[in-house]
Amino acid sequence: MVSPNELTNALDAALATARAEYRQAVIELATREAAKDSSVTREPADVDRIHHARTRIIALDAARDELSTIIDEGAPLTSD
């Protein structure tokens, strides 16, 4: 059986990876936007990657909070 610390560490690592991906997506978006013309016919920003990266952060952060609650309540740490 996996310990509470191992589960917490796994979610922390996943969250750190998601945050790094989000930061990279922000830099890429800003770079693409800086290269565009500032005319009225400017293409809309492509925010798909940044949106997905941010959604991952939100989900992992919520999962981390819920895991903390489960651990604090002393509930069993089984996935079934």
N, C-alpha and C. Protein backbone atom coordinates (compact mmCIF):
# COMPACT_ATOMS: atom_id res chain seq x y z
N MET A 1 0.84 -1.18 0.00
CA MET A 1 0.00 0.00 0.00
C MET A 1 0.88 1.25 0.00
N VAL A 2 0.43 2.26 -0.69
CA VAL A 2 1.19 3.50 -0.81
C VAL A 2 0.91 4.37 0.42
N SER A 3 1.95 4.99 0.92
CA SER A 3 1.81 5.82 2.12
C SER A 3 1.22 7.18 1.78
N PRO A 4 0.65 7.86 2.79
CA PRO A 4 0.14 9.22 2.55
C PRO A 4 1.21 10.17 2.01
N ASN A 5 2.43 10.05 2.52
CA ASN A 5 3.52 10.91 2.03
C ASN A 5 3.83 10.65 0.56
N GLU A 6 3.84 9.39 0.17
CA GLU A 6 4.11 9.06 -1.23
C GLU A 6 3.02 9.63 -2.14
N LEU A 7 1.77 9.53 -1.71
CA LEU A 7 0.66 10.08 -2.51
C LEU A 7 0.76 11.60 -2.60
N THR A 8 1.04 12.22 -1.48
CA THR A 8 1.18 13.68 -1.46
C THR A 8 2.35 14.12 -2.34
N ASN A 9 3.47 13.44 -2.22
CA ASN A 9 4.64 13.78 -3.03
C ASN A 9 4.37 13.60 -4.52
N ALA A 10 3.62 12.56 -4.86
CA ALA A 10 3.29 12.32 -6.27
C ALA A 10 2.44 13.45 -6.84
N LEU A 11 1.44 13.89 -6.07
CA LEU A 11 0.62 15.01 -6.54
C LEU A 11 1.41 16.31 -6.57
N ASP A 12 2.29 16.51 -5.61
CA ASP A 12 3.14 17.71 -5.61
C ASP A 12 4.03 17.74 -6.85
N ALA A 13 4.59 16.59 -7.21
CA ALA A 13 5.44 16.51 -8.41
C ALA A 13 4.63 16.77 -9.68
N ALA A 14 3.45 16.20 -9.74
CA ALA A 14 2.59 16.43 -10.91
C ALA A 14 2.20 17.90 -11.01
N LEU A 15 1.93 18.52 -9.87
CA LEU A 15 1.57 19.94 -9.85
C LEU A 15 2.75 20.81 -10.27
N ALA A 16 3.93 20.49 -9.82
CA ALA A 16 5.13 21.24 -10.21
C ALA A 16 5.36 21.13 -11.72
N THR A 17 5.15 19.95 -12.27
CA THR A 17 5.31 19.74 -13.71
C THR A 17 4.27 20.56 -14.48
N ALA A 18 3.03 20.54 -14.00
CA ALA A 18 1.96 21.30 -14.66
C ALA A 18 2.25 22.80 -14.61
N ARG A 19 2.76 23.27 -13.49
CA ARG A 19 3.08 24.70 -13.38
C ARG A 19 4.21 25.09 -14.33
N ALA A 20 5.20 24.22 -14.48
CA ALA A 20 6.29 24.48 -15.42
C ALA A 20 5.77 24.51 -16.85
N GLU A 21 4.87 23.59 -17.17
CA GLU A 21 4.27 23.57 -18.50
C GLU A 21 3.47 24.86 -18.74
N TYR A 22 2.74 25.31 -17.74
CA TYR A 22 1.95 26.53 -17.85
C TYR A 22 2.85 27.74 -18.08
N ARG A 23 3.93 27.82 -17.32
CA ARG A 23 4.86 28.93 -17.50
C ARG A 23 5.41 28.96 -18.93
N GLN A 24 5.77 27.77 -19.42
CA GLN A 24 6.30 27.69 -20.78
C GLN A 24 5.23 28.11 -21.80
N ALA A 25 4.00 27.70 -21.57
CA ALA A 25 2.90 28.07 -22.47
C ALA A 25 2.67 29.58 -22.45
N VAL A 26 2.80 30.21 -21.29
CA VAL A 26 2.66 31.66 -21.18
C VAL A 26 3.75 32.36 -21.99
N ILE A 27 4.97 31.91 -21.85
CA ILE A 27 6.09 32.52 -22.59
C ILE A 27 5.90 32.35 -24.09
N GLU A 28 5.48 31.15 -24.52
CA GLU A 28 5.26 30.91 -25.94
C GLU A 28 4.13 31.79 -26.48
N LEU A 29 3.04 31.90 -25.73
CA LEU A 29 1.92 32.74 -26.15
C LEU A 29 2.36 34.20 -26.26
N ALA A 30 3.06 34.69 -25.26
CA ALA A 30 3.52 36.08 -25.28
C ALA A 30 4.46 36.33 -26.45
N THR A 31 5.32 35.37 -26.73
CA THR A 31 6.26 35.51 -27.85
C THR A 31 5.52 35.57 -29.18
N ARG A 32 4.53 34.68 -29.35
CA ARG A 32 3.75 34.68 -30.59
C ARG A 32 2.97 35.99 -30.73
N GLU A 33 2.39 36.46 -29.64
CA GLU A 33 1.61 37.70 -29.69
C GLU A 33 2.50 38.91 -29.97
N ALA A 34 3.70 38.92 -29.45
CA ALA A 34 4.62 40.03 -29.69
C ALA A 34 5.04 40.10 -31.16
N ALA A 35 5.04 38.97 -31.83
CA ALA A 35 5.47 38.93 -33.23
C ALA A 35 4.35 39.35 -34.20
N LYS A 36 3.14 39.46 -33.71
CA LYS A 36 2.01 39.80 -34.58
C LYS A 36 1.95 41.31 -34.83
N ASP A 37 1.31 41.63 -35.96
CA ASP A 37 1.03 43.03 -36.25
C ASP A 37 -0.02 43.54 -35.28
N SER A 38 -0.02 44.82 -35.05
CA SER A 38 -1.01 45.39 -34.14
C SER A 38 -2.20 45.98 -34.89
N SER A 39 -2.46 45.46 -36.07
CA SER A 39 -3.56 45.98 -36.88
C SER A 39 -4.91 45.43 -36.40
N VAL A 40 -5.95 46.00 -36.95
CA VAL A 40 -7.31 45.59 -36.60
C VAL A 40 -7.60 44.17 -37.07
N THR A 41 -6.91 43.72 -38.10
CA THR A 41 -7.14 42.38 -38.66
C THR A 41 -6.26 41.32 -37.99
N ARG A 42 -5.72 41.66 -36.88
CA ARG A 42 -4.85 40.75 -36.13
C ARG A 42 -5.57 39.43 -35.84
N GLU A 43 -4.86 38.34 -36.01
CA GLU A 43 -5.41 37.02 -35.71
C GLU A 43 -5.65 36.88 -34.21
N PRO A 44 -6.72 36.18 -33.81
CA PRO A 44 -6.95 35.96 -32.38
C PRO A 44 -5.83 35.11 -31.76
N ALA A 45 -5.63 35.31 -30.50
CA ALA A 45 -4.60 34.54 -29.79
C ALA A 45 -5.01 33.06 -29.72
N ASP A 46 -4.06 32.20 -29.96
CA ASP A 46 -4.29 30.75 -29.84
C ASP A 46 -3.99 30.37 -28.39
N VAL A 47 -5.03 30.19 -27.61
CA VAL A 47 -4.87 29.96 -26.18
C VAL A 47 -5.13 28.50 -25.76
N ASP A 48 -5.24 27.60 -26.72
CA ASP A 48 -5.56 26.21 -26.38
C ASP A 48 -4.55 25.59 -25.43
N ARG A 49 -3.26 25.72 -25.74
CA ARG A 49 -2.24 25.09 -24.89
C ARG A 49 -2.23 25.70 -23.49
N ILE A 50 -2.32 27.01 -23.42
CA ILE A 50 -2.29 27.67 -22.11
C ILE A 50 -3.54 27.31 -21.31
N HIS A 51 -4.67 27.21 -22.00
CA HIS A 51 -5.92 26.83 -21.33
C HIS A 51 -5.82 25.43 -20.74
N HIS A 52 -5.33 24.49 -21.51
CA HIS A 52 -5.20 23.11 -21.02
C HIS A 52 -4.20 23.01 -19.88
N ALA A 53 -3.10 23.74 -19.98
CA ALA A 53 -2.10 23.72 -18.91
C ALA A 53 -2.67 24.30 -17.62
N ARG A 54 -3.41 25.39 -17.72
CA ARG A 54 -4.01 26.01 -16.54
C ARG A 54 -5.08 25.10 -15.93
N THR A 55 -5.85 24.43 -16.77
CA THR A 55 -6.87 23.50 -16.29
C THR A 55 -6.23 22.36 -15.51
N ARG A 56 -5.09 21.88 -15.99
CA ARG A 56 -4.36 20.82 -15.28
C ARG A 56 -3.94 21.29 -13.90
N ILE A 57 -3.45 22.52 -13.80
CA ILE A 57 -3.05 23.07 -12.50
C ILE A 57 -4.24 23.12 -11.55
N ILE A 58 -5.35 23.61 -12.04
CA ILE A 58 -6.55 23.72 -11.20
C ILE A 58 -6.98 22.34 -10.70
N ALA A 59 -7.00 21.36 -11.60
CA ALA A 59 -7.42 20.01 -11.23
C ALA A 59 -6.45 19.36 -10.24
N LEU A 60 -5.17 19.50 -10.48
CA LEU A 60 -4.18 18.91 -9.58
C LEU A 60 -4.16 19.59 -8.22
N ASP A 61 -4.36 20.90 -8.21
CA ASP A 61 -4.42 21.63 -6.95
C ASP A 61 -5.64 21.17 -6.14
N ALA A 62 -6.77 20.99 -6.81
CA ALA A 62 -7.98 20.50 -6.14
C ALA A 62 -7.77 19.09 -5.62
N ALA A 63 -7.12 18.26 -6.41
CA ALA A 63 -6.84 16.88 -5.98
C ALA A 63 -5.91 16.87 -4.77
N ARG A 64 -4.93 17.75 -4.77
CA ARG A 64 -4.00 17.86 -3.63
C ARG A 64 -4.74 18.27 -2.37
N ASP A 65 -5.65 19.23 -2.49
CA ASP A 65 -6.46 19.67 -1.34
C ASP A 65 -7.35 18.53 -0.84
N GLU A 66 -7.98 17.83 -1.76
CA GLU A 66 -8.86 16.73 -1.37
C GLU A 66 -8.07 15.61 -0.71
N LEU A 67 -6.90 15.29 -1.24
CA LEU A 67 -6.07 14.27 -0.62
C LEU A 67 -5.69 14.67 0.80
N SER A 68 -5.37 15.93 0.99
CA SER A 68 -5.03 16.43 2.32
C SER A 68 -6.21 16.24 3.28
N THR A 69 -7.41 16.53 2.81
CA THR A 69 -8.61 16.34 3.63
C THR A 69 -8.81 14.87 3.97
N ILE A 70 -8.64 14.01 2.99
CA ILE A 70 -8.79 12.56 3.20
C ILE A 70 -7.80 12.08 4.25
N ILE A 71 -6.55 12.53 4.13
CA ILE A 71 -5.52 12.13 5.08
C ILE A 71 -5.84 12.66 6.47
N ASP A 72 -6.24 13.93 6.56
CA ASP A 72 -6.58 14.53 7.86
C ASP A 72 -7.75 13.83 8.53
N GLU A 73 -8.69 13.35 7.74
CA GLU A 73 -9.86 12.65 8.29
C GLU A 73 -9.55 11.20 8.66
N GLY A 74 -8.40 10.72 8.25
CA GLY A 74 -8.01 9.34 8.54
C GLY A 74 -8.75 8.30 7.71
N ALA A 75 -9.30 8.73 6.59
CA ALA A 75 -10.01 7.81 5.71
C ALA A 75 -9.04 6.85 5.04
N PRO A 76 -9.52 5.66 4.68
CA PRO A 76 -8.64 4.69 4.01
C PRO A 76 -8.11 5.23 2.68
N LEU A 77 -6.89 4.90 2.38
CA LEU A 77 -6.25 5.37 1.15
C LEU A 77 -6.24 4.27 0.10
N THR A 78 -7.41 3.80 -0.24
CA THR A 78 -7.55 2.80 -1.30
C THR A 78 -8.31 3.42 -2.45
N SER A 79 -8.08 2.91 -3.64
CA SER A 79 -8.72 3.49 -4.84
C SER A 79 -9.98 2.74 -5.25
N ASP A 80 -10.42 1.78 -4.46
CA ASP A 80 -11.64 1.04 -4.85
C ASP A 80 -12.84 1.45 -4.08
